[in-house]
Amino acid sequence: MLIACPFCGERDVAEFEFRQSIAPSGADAAERLYFRSADPSRSIEHWQHVRGCRTWLELHRDLASGSVLEVRTQLGAAAPAVTGEPS
């Protein structure tokens, strides 16, 4: 799987480290704590580019295919969101 880092370009997943899944923004405390995902086909996750620029990224992934649908920086305005084709 390839991940498109907004600063370093497209890199192999081995350069990144998964940290955690993110609950949907409208989720209450119980949903964030006890339920894995509101949408079983999509996942929003925190990843860090540990073998590169060390940027924290928010990845939107299709769980059925494992492909990355969208990549955003954690700072939001630091770099534009990068959307890629399924890899």
PDB file of N, CA and C in Angstrom:
ATOM      1  N   MET A   1       0.851  -1.172   0.000  1.00  0.00           N
ATOM      2  CA  MET A   1       0.000   0.000   0.000  1.00  0.00           C
ATOM      3  C   MET A   1       0.894   1.231   0.000  1.00  0.00           C
ATOM      4  N   LEU A   2       0.508   2.229  -0.765  1.00  0.00           N
ATOM      5  CA  LEU A   2       1.217   3.498  -0.815  1.00  0.00           C
ATOM      6  C   LEU A   2       0.386   4.575  -0.137  1.00  0.00           C
ATOM      7  N   ILE A   3       1.068   5.475   0.568  1.00  0.00           N
ATOM      8  CA  ILE A   3       0.408   6.602   1.228  1.00  0.00           C
ATOM      9  C   ILE A   3       1.027   7.869   0.656  1.00  0.00           C
ATOM     10  N   ALA A   4       0.179   8.815   0.234  1.00  0.00           N
ATOM     11  CA  ALA A   4       0.646  10.064  -0.347  1.00  0.00           C
ATOM     12  C   ALA A   4       0.848  11.093   0.761  1.00  0.00           C
ATOM     13  N   CYS A   5       2.089  11.259   1.208  1.00  0.00           N
ATOM     14  CA  CYS A   5       2.408  12.272   2.214  1.00  0.00           C
ATOM     15  C   CYS A   5       2.368  13.646   1.537  1.00  0.00           C
ATOM     16  N   PRO A   6       1.675  14.631   2.115  1.00  0.00           N
ATOM     17  CA  PRO A   6       1.598  15.958   1.496  1.00  0.00           C
ATOM     18  C   PRO A   6       2.957  16.646   1.376  1.00  0.00           C
ATOM     19  N   PHE A   7       3.940  16.242   2.169  1.00  0.00           N
ATOM     20  CA  PHE A   7       5.249  16.887   2.151  1.00  0.00           C
ATOM     21  C   PHE A   7       6.302  16.078   1.396  1.00  0.00           C
ATOM     22  N   CYS A   8       6.251  14.749   1.468  1.00  0.00           N
ATOM     23  CA  CYS A   8       7.291  13.885   0.898  1.00  0.00           C
ATOM     24  C   CYS A   8       6.866  13.179  -0.384  1.00  0.00           C
ATOM     25  N   GLY A   9       5.592  13.216  -0.708  1.00  0.00           N
ATOM     26  CA  GLY A   9       5.104  12.514  -1.884  1.00  0.00           C
ATOM     27  C   GLY A   9       4.640  11.107  -1.531  1.00  0.00           C
ATOM     28  N   GLU A  10       4.410  10.304  -2.543  1.00  0.00           N
ATOM     29  CA  GLU A  10       3.899   8.951  -2.347  1.00  0.00           C
ATOM     30  C   GLU A  10       4.998   8.040  -1.798  1.00  0.00           C
ATOM     31  N   ARG A  11       4.710   7.375  -0.669  1.00  0.00           N
ATOM     32  CA  ARG A  11       5.692   6.512  -0.001  1.00  0.00           C
ATOM     33  C   ARG A  11       5.041   5.183   0.360  1.00  0.00           C
ATOM     34  N   ASP A  12       5.884   4.168   0.578  1.00  0.00           N
ATOM     35  CA  ASP A  12       5.420   2.851   0.989  1.00  0.00           C
ATOM     36  C   ASP A  12       4.907   2.919   2.432  1.00  0.00           C
ATOM     37  N   VAL A  13       3.923   2.104   2.742  1.00  0.00           N
ATOM     38  CA  VAL A  13       3.313   2.088   4.076  1.00  0.00           C
ATOM     39  C   VAL A  13       4.340   1.756   5.169  1.00  0.00           C
ATOM     40  N   ALA A  14       5.448   1.105   4.825  1.00  0.00           N
ATOM     41  CA  ALA A  14       6.487   0.753   5.808  1.00  0.00           C
ATOM     42  C   ALA A  14       7.116   1.986   6.454  1.00  0.00           C
ATOM     43  N   GLU A  15       7.016   3.156   5.804  1.00  0.00           N
ATOM     44  CA  GLU A  15       7.564   4.391   6.367  1.00  0.00           C
ATOM     45  C   GLU A  15       6.644   5.011   7.406  1.00  0.00           C
ATOM     46  N   PHE A  16       5.422   4.516   7.518  1.00  0.00           N
ATOM     47  CA  PHE A  16       4.408   5.110   8.391  1.00  0.00           C
ATOM     48  C   PHE A  16       4.087   4.181   9.546  1.00  0.00           C
ATOM     49  N   GLU A  17       3.567   4.755  10.612  1.00  0.00           N
ATOM     50  CA  GLU A  17       3.155   3.963  11.761  1.00  0.00           C
ATOM     51  C   GLU A  17       1.720   4.326  12.129  1.00  0.00           C
ATOM     52  N   PHE A  18       0.876   3.280  12.216  1.00  0.00           N
ATOM     53  CA  PHE A  18      -0.519   3.459  12.607  1.00  0.00           C
ATOM     54  C   PHE A  18      -0.578   3.765  14.092  1.00  0.00           C
ATOM     55  N   ARG A  19      -1.392   4.744  14.479  1.00  0.00           N
ATOM     56  CA  ARG A  19      -1.564   5.078  15.897  1.00  0.00           C
ATOM     57  C   ARG A  19      -2.928   4.671  16.428  1.00  0.00           C
ATOM     58  N   GLN A  20      -4.001   5.135  15.778  1.00  0.00           N
ATOM     59  CA  GLN A  20      -5.343   4.802  16.275  1.00  0.00           C
ATOM     60  C   GLN A  20      -6.404   5.148  15.245  1.00  0.00           C
ATOM     61  N   SER A  21      -7.575   4.523  15.402  1.00  0.00           N
ATOM     62  CA  SER A  21      -8.739   4.887  14.604  1.00  0.00           C
ATOM     63  C   SER A  21      -9.412   6.076  15.274  1.00  0.00           C
ATOM     64  N   ILE A  22     -10.032   6.914  14.467  1.00  0.00           N
ATOM     65  CA  ILE A  22     -10.691   8.116  14.969  1.00  0.00           C
ATOM     66  C   ILE A  22     -12.193   7.904  14.886  1.00  0.00           C
ATOM     67  N   ALA A  23     -12.896   8.228  15.951  1.00  0.00           N
ATOM     68  CA  ALA A  23     -14.357   8.126  15.951  1.00  0.00           C
ATOM     69  C   ALA A  23     -14.932   9.234  15.072  1.00  0.00           C
ATOM     70  N   PRO A  24     -16.088   9.002  14.485  1.00  0.00           N
ATOM     71  CA  PRO A  24     -16.733  10.051  13.691  1.00  0.00           C
ATOM     72  C   PRO A  24     -16.938  11.311  14.518  1.00  0.00           C
ATOM     73  N   SER A  25     -16.898  12.473  13.867  1.00  0.00           N
ATOM     74  CA  SER A  25     -16.962  13.746  14.590  1.00  0.00           C
ATOM     75  C   SER A  25     -18.255  13.919  15.393  1.00  0.00           C
ATOM     76  N   GLY A  26     -19.363  13.345  14.939  1.00  0.00           N
ATOM     77  CA  GLY A  26     -20.623  13.500  15.650  1.00  0.00           C
ATOM     78  C   GLY A  26     -20.836  12.475  16.759  1.00  0.00           C
ATOM     79  N   ALA A  27     -19.862  11.622  17.001  1.00  0.00           N
ATOM     80  CA  ALA A  27     -20.022  10.542  17.985  1.00  0.00           C
ATOM     81  C   ALA A  27     -19.965  11.085  19.408  1.00  0.00           C
ATOM     82  N   ASP A  28     -20.795  10.513  20.272  1.00  0.00           N
ATOM     83  CA  ASP A  28     -20.731  10.908  21.679  1.00  0.00           C
ATOM     84  C   ASP A  28     -19.645  10.090  22.388  1.00  0.00           C
ATOM     85  N   ALA A  29     -19.429  10.343  23.654  1.00  0.00           N
ATOM     86  CA  ALA A  29     -18.341   9.704  24.400  1.00  0.00           C
ATOM     87  C   ALA A  29     -18.451   8.178  24.413  1.00  0.00           C
ATOM     88  N   ALA A  30     -19.660   7.633  24.582  1.00  0.00           N
ATOM     89  CA  ALA A  30     -19.839   6.177  24.614  1.00  0.00           C
ATOM     90  C   ALA A  30     -19.496   5.553  23.260  1.00  0.00           C
ATOM     91  N   GLU A  31     -19.902   6.201  22.177  1.00  0.00           N
ATOM     92  CA  GLU A  31     -19.582   5.681  20.842  1.00  0.00           C
ATOM     93  C   GLU A  31     -18.080   5.700  20.587  1.00  0.00           C
ATOM     94  N   ARG A  32     -17.418   6.785  20.986  1.00  0.00           N
ATOM     95  CA  ARG A  32     -15.964   6.878  20.786  1.00  0.00           C
ATOM     96  C   ARG A  32     -15.224   5.825  21.596  1.00  0.00           C
ATOM     97  N   LEU A  33     -15.747   5.492  22.770  1.00  0.00           N
ATOM     98  CA  LEU A  33     -15.063   4.574  23.664  1.00  0.00           C
ATOM     99  C   LEU A  33     -15.340   3.103  23.349  1.00  0.00           C
ATOM    100  N   TYR A  34     -16.589   2.770  23.011  1.00  0.00           N
ATOM    101  CA  TYR A  34     -16.968   1.366  22.909  1.00  0.00           C
ATOM    102  C   TYR A  34     -17.201   0.833  21.497  1.00  0.00           C
ATOM    103  N   PHE A  35     -17.432   1.696  20.533  1.00  0.00           N
ATOM    104  CA  PHE A  35     -17.717   1.223  19.180  1.00  0.00           C
ATOM    105  C   PHE A  35     -16.540   1.520  18.273  1.00  0.00           C
ATOM    106  N   ARG A  36     -16.179   0.539  17.444  1.00  0.00           N
ATOM    107  CA  ARG A  36     -15.015   0.688  16.573  1.00  0.00           C
ATOM    108  C   ARG A  36     -15.235   1.704  15.462  1.00  0.00           C
ATOM    109  N   SER A  37     -16.379   1.646  14.810  1.00  0.00           N
ATOM    110  CA  SER A  37     -16.607   2.498  13.651  1.00  0.00           C
ATOM    111  C   SER A  37     -18.096   2.659  13.403  1.00  0.00           C
ATOM    112  N   ALA A  38     -18.501   3.843  12.981  1.00  0.00           N
ATOM    113  CA  ALA A  38     -19.900   4.063  12.649  1.00  0.00           C
ATOM    114  C   ALA A  38     -20.199   3.522  11.247  1.00  0.00           C
ATOM    115  N   ASP A  39     -19.221   3.530  10.384  1.00  0.00           N
ATOM    116  CA  ASP A  39     -19.375   3.041   9.020  1.00  0.00           C
ATOM    117  C   ASP A  39     -18.403   1.878   8.821  1.00  0.00           C
ATOM    118  N   PRO A  40     -18.909   0.650   8.727  1.00  0.00           N
ATOM    119  CA  PRO A  40     -18.010  -0.507   8.634  1.00  0.00           C
ATOM    120  C   PRO A  40     -17.205  -0.575   7.334  1.00  0.00           C
ATOM    121  N   SER A  41     -17.548   0.238   6.341  1.00  0.00           N
ATOM    122  CA  SER A  41     -16.805   0.188   5.078  1.00  0.00           C
ATOM    123  C   SER A  41     -15.689   1.227   5.014  1.00  0.00           C
ATOM    124  N   ARG A  42     -15.713   2.234   5.906  1.00  0.00           N
ATOM    125  CA  ARG A  42     -14.690   3.294   5.910  1.00  0.00           C
ATOM    126  C   ARG A  42     -14.078   3.434   7.289  1.00  0.00           C
ATOM    127  N   SER A  43     -12.837   3.845   7.305  1.00  0.00           N
ATOM    128  CA  SER A  43     -12.134   4.063   8.564  1.00  0.00           C
ATOM    129  C   SER A  43     -11.368   5.377   8.475  1.00  0.00           C
ATOM    130  N   ILE A  44     -11.379   6.146   9.556  1.00  0.00           N
ATOM    131  CA  ILE A  44     -10.579   7.361   9.659  1.00  0.00           C
ATOM    132  C   ILE A  44      -9.526   7.071  10.717  1.00  0.00           C
ATOM    133  N   GLU A  45      -8.249   7.256  10.357  1.00  0.00           N
ATOM    134  CA  GLU A  45      -7.161   6.810  11.220  1.00  0.00           C
ATOM    135  C   GLU A  45      -6.057   7.856  11.344  1.00  0.00           C
ATOM    136  N   HIS A  46      -5.373   7.844  12.491  1.00  0.00           N
ATOM    137  CA  HIS A  46      -4.164   8.649  12.689  1.00  0.00           C
ATOM    138  C   HIS A  46      -2.956   7.809  12.311  1.00  0.00           C
ATOM    139  N   TRP A  47      -2.080   8.339  11.476  1.00  0.00           N
ATOM    140  CA  TRP A  47      -0.819   7.701  11.102  1.00  0.00           C
ATOM    141  C   TRP A  47       0.271   8.755  11.243  1.00  0.00           C
ATOM    142  N   GLN A  48       1.499   8.320  11.483  1.00  0.00           N
ATOM    143  CA  GLN A  48       2.630   9.241  11.532  1.00  0.00           C
ATOM    144  C   GLN A  48       3.689   8.779  10.533  1.00  0.00           C
ATOM    145  N   HIS A  49       4.265   9.723   9.808  1.00  0.00           N
ATOM    146  CA  HIS A  49       5.332   9.422   8.846  1.00  0.00           C
ATOM    147  C   HIS A  49       6.652   9.353   9.614  1.00  0.00           C
ATOM    148  N   VAL A  50       6.868   8.248  10.318  1.00  0.00           N
ATOM    149  CA  VAL A  50       8.004   8.109  11.236  1.00  0.00           C
ATOM    150  C   VAL A  50       9.347   7.999  10.530  1.00  0.00           C
ATOM    151  N   ARG A  51       9.382   7.484   9.324  1.00  0.00           N
ATOM    152  CA  ARG A  51      10.656   7.356   8.598  1.00  0.00           C
ATOM    153  C   ARG A  51      10.748   8.402   7.494  1.00  0.00           C
ATOM    154  N   GLY A  52      10.183   9.568   7.773  1.00  0.00           N
ATOM    155  CA  GLY A  52      10.186  10.665   6.812  1.00  0.00           C
ATOM    156  C   GLY A  52      10.109  11.985   7.561  1.00  0.00           C
ATOM    157  N   CYS A  53       9.116  12.783   7.238  1.00  0.00           N
ATOM    158  CA  CYS A  53       8.991  14.130   7.799  1.00  0.00           C
ATOM    159  C   CYS A  53       8.371  14.160   9.196  1.00  0.00           C
ATOM    160  N   ARG A  54       7.922  13.021   9.714  1.00  0.00           N
ATOM    161  CA  ARG A  54       7.337  12.870  11.045  1.00  0.00           C
ATOM    162  C   ARG A  54       5.977  13.566  11.204  1.00  0.00           C
ATOM    163  N   THR A  55       5.364  13.922  10.112  1.00  0.00           N
ATOM    164  CA  THR A  55       4.054  14.568  10.129  1.00  0.00           C
ATOM    165  C   THR A  55       2.968  13.585  10.552  1.00  0.00           C
ATOM    166  N   TRP A  56       2.009  14.080  11.333  1.00  0.00           N
ATOM    167  CA  TRP A  56       0.827  13.299  11.690  1.00  0.00           C
ATOM    168  C   TRP A  56      -0.186  13.462  10.572  1.00  0.00           C
ATOM    169  N   LEU A  57      -0.749  12.353  10.138  1.00  0.00           N
ATOM    170  CA  LEU A  57      -1.707  12.363   9.040  1.00  0.00           C
ATOM    171  C   LEU A  57      -3.027  11.745   9.468  1.00  0.00           C
ATOM    172  N   GLU A  58      -4.083  12.189   8.818  1.00  0.00           N
ATOM    173  CA  GLU A  58      -5.412  11.600   8.993  1.00  0.00           C
ATOM    174  C   GLU A  58      -5.742  10.900   7.685  1.00  0.00           C
ATOM    175  N   LEU A  59      -5.839   9.576   7.730  1.00  0.00           N
ATOM    176  CA  LEU A  59      -6.131   8.784   6.535  1.00  0.00           C
ATOM    177  C   LEU A  59      -7.576   8.332   6.547  1.00  0.00           C
ATOM    178  N   HIS A  60      -8.225   8.455   5.420  1.00  0.00           N
ATOM    179  CA  HIS A  60      -9.571   7.917   5.209  1.00  0.00           C
ATOM    180  C   HIS A  60      -9.377   6.717   4.303  1.00  0.00           C
ATOM    181  N   ARG A  61      -9.735   5.521   4.822  1.00  0.00           N
ATOM    182  CA  ARG A  61      -9.490   4.283   4.076  1.00  0.00           C
ATOM    183  C   ARG A  61     -10.766   3.511   3.827  1.00  0.00           C
ATOM    184  N   ASP A  62     -10.789   2.807   2.707  1.00  0.00           N
ATOM    185  CA  ASP A  62     -11.856   1.865   2.384  1.00  0.00           C
ATOM    186  C   ASP A  62     -11.427   0.529   2.981  1.00  0.00           C
ATOM    187  N   LEU A  63     -12.152   0.041   3.970  1.00  0.00           N
ATOM    188  CA  LEU A  63     -11.752  -1.184   4.661  1.00  0.00           C
ATOM    189  C   LEU A  63     -11.919  -2.440   3.813  1.00  0.00           C
ATOM    190  N   ALA A  64     -12.842  -2.425   2.870  1.00  0.00           N
ATOM    191  CA  ALA A  64     -13.049  -3.606   2.029  1.00  0.00           C
ATOM    192  C   ALA A  64     -11.849  -3.854   1.115  1.00  0.00           C
ATOM    193  N   SER A  65     -11.299  -2.794   0.536  1.00  0.00           N
ATOM    194  CA  SER A  65     -10.177  -2.950  -0.388  1.00  0.00           C
ATOM    195  C   SER A  65      -8.833  -2.596   0.257  1.00  0.00           C
ATOM    196  N   GLY A  66      -8.863  -1.878   1.382  1.00  0.00           N
ATOM    197  CA  GLY A  66      -7.633  -1.447   2.038  1.00  0.00           C
ATOM    198  C   GLY A  66      -7.021  -0.213   1.411  1.00  0.00           C
ATOM    199  N   SER A  67      -7.678   0.364   0.415  1.00  0.00           N
ATOM    200  CA  SER A  67      -7.119   1.513  -0.291  1.00  0.00           C
ATOM    201  C   SER A  67      -7.300   2.805   0.493  1.00  0.00           C
ATOM    202  N   VAL A  68      -6.373   3.723   0.288  1.00  0.00           N
ATOM    203  CA  VAL A  68      -6.414   5.041   0.919  1.00  0.00           C
ATOM    204  C   VAL A  68      -7.252   5.949   0.032  1.00  0.00           C
ATOM    205  N   LEU A  69      -8.318   6.527   0.595  1.00  0.00           N
ATOM    206  CA  LEU A  69      -9.204   7.396  -0.168  1.00  0.00           C
ATOM    207  C   LEU A  69      -8.776   8.857  -0.084  1.00  0.00           C
ATOM    208  N   GLU A  70      -8.273   9.257   1.094  1.00  0.00           N
ATOM    209  CA  GLU A  70      -7.902  10.654   1.301  1.00  0.00           C
ATOM    210  C   GLU A  70      -6.860  10.746   2.401  1.00  0.00           C
ATOM    211  N   VAL A  71      -5.943  11.710   2.255  1.00  0.00           N
ATOM    212  CA  VAL A  71      -4.910  11.961   3.260  1.00  0.00           C
ATOM    213  C   VAL A  71      -4.952  13.435   3.607  1.00  0.00           C
ATOM    214  N   ARG A  72      -5.001  13.741   4.909  1.00  0.00           N
ATOM    215  CA  ARG A  72      -4.981  15.132   5.385  1.00  0.00           C
ATOM    216  C   ARG A  72      -3.921  15.272   6.452  1.00  0.00           C
ATOM    217  N   THR A  73      -3.383  16.481   6.588  1.00  0.00           N
ATOM    218  CA  THR A  73      -2.442  16.731   7.678  1.00  0.00           C
ATOM    219  C   THR A  73      -3.234  16.987   8.941  1.00  0.00           C
ATOM    220  N   GLN A  74      -2.648  16.736  10.083  1.00  0.00           N
ATOM    221  CA  GLN A  74      -3.324  16.970  11.356  1.00  0.00           C
ATOM    222  C   GLN A  74      -3.475  18.456  11.646  1.00  0.00           C
ATOM    223  N   LEU A  75      -2.619  19.291  11.067  1.00  0.00           N
ATOM    224  CA  LEU A  75      -2.692  20.723  11.311  1.00  0.00           C
ATOM    225  C   LEU A  75      -3.699  21.406  10.412  1.00  0.00           C
ATOM    226  N   GLY A  76      -4.219  20.688   9.448  1.00  0.00           N
ATOM    227  CA  GLY A  76      -5.248  21.220   8.568  1.00  0.00           C
ATOM    228  C   GLY A  76      -4.730  22.182   7.514  1.00  0.00           C
ATOM    229  N   ALA A  77      -4.245  23.344   7.908  1.00  0.00           N
ATOM    230  CA  ALA A  77      -3.836  24.364   6.953  1.00  0.00           C
ATOM    231  C   ALA A  77      -2.385  24.225   6.516  1.00  0.00           C
ATOM    232  N   ALA A  78      -1.623  23.308   7.103  1.00  0.00           N
ATOM    233  CA  ALA A  78      -0.195  23.185   6.777  1.00  0.00           C
ATOM    234  C   ALA A  78       0.035  22.737   5.345  1.00  0.00           C
ATOM    235  N   ALA A  79      -0.824  21.896   4.826  1.00  0.00           N
ATOM    236  CA  ALA A  79      -0.694  21.411   3.447  1.00  0.00           C
ATOM    237  C   ALA A  79      -2.068  21.024   2.949  1.00  0.00           C
ATOM    238  N   PRO A  80      -2.278  21.098   1.644  1.00  0.00           N
ATOM    239  CA  PRO A  80      -3.588  20.702   1.116  1.00  0.00           C
ATOM    240  C   PRO A  80      -3.812  19.199   1.258  1.00  0.00           C
ATOM    241  N   ALA A  81      -5.066  18.828   1.334  1.00  0.00           N
ATOM    242  CA  ALA A  81      -5.404  17.396   1.390  1.00  0.00           C
ATOM    243  C   ALA A  81      -4.992  16.737   0.084  1.00  0.00           C
ATOM    244  N   VAL A  82      -4.565  15.503   0.156  1.00  0.00           N
ATOM    245  CA  VAL A  82      -4.140  14.753  -1.027  1.00  0.00           C
ATOM    246  C   VAL A  82      -5.092  13.594  -1.197  1.00  0.00           C
ATOM    247  N   THR A  83      -5.686  13.505  -2.367  1.00  0.00           N
ATOM    248  CA  THR A  83      -6.564  12.362  -2.638  1.00  0.00           C
ATOM    249  C   THR A  83      -5.899  11.522  -3.705  1.00  0.00           C
ATOM    250  N   GLY A  84      -5.953  10.223  -3.516  1.00  0.00           N
ATOM    251  CA  GLY A  84      -5.261   9.353  -4.458  1.00  0.00           C
ATOM    252  C   GLY A  84      -6.147   8.252  -4.966  1.00  0.00           C
ATOM    253  N   GLU A  85      -5.685   7.638  -6.021  1.00  0.00           N
ATOM    254  CA  GLU A  85      -6.352   6.468  -6.560  1.00  0.00           C
ATOM    255  C   GLU A  85      -6.117   5.312  -5.609  1.00  0.00           C
ATOM    256  N   PRO A  86      -7.003   4.334  -5.567  1.00  0.00           N
ATOM    257  CA  PRO A  86      -6.768   3.165  -4.727  1.00  0.00           C
ATOM    258  C   PRO A  86      -5.447   2.500  -5.068  1.00  0.00           C
ATOM    259  N   SER A  87      -4.663   2.149  -4.019  1.00  0.00           N
ATOM    260  CA  SER A  87      -3.380   1.494  -4.256  1.00  0.00           C
ATOM    261  C   SER A  87      -3.384   0.103  -3.725  1.00  0.00           C
TER     262      SER A  87
END
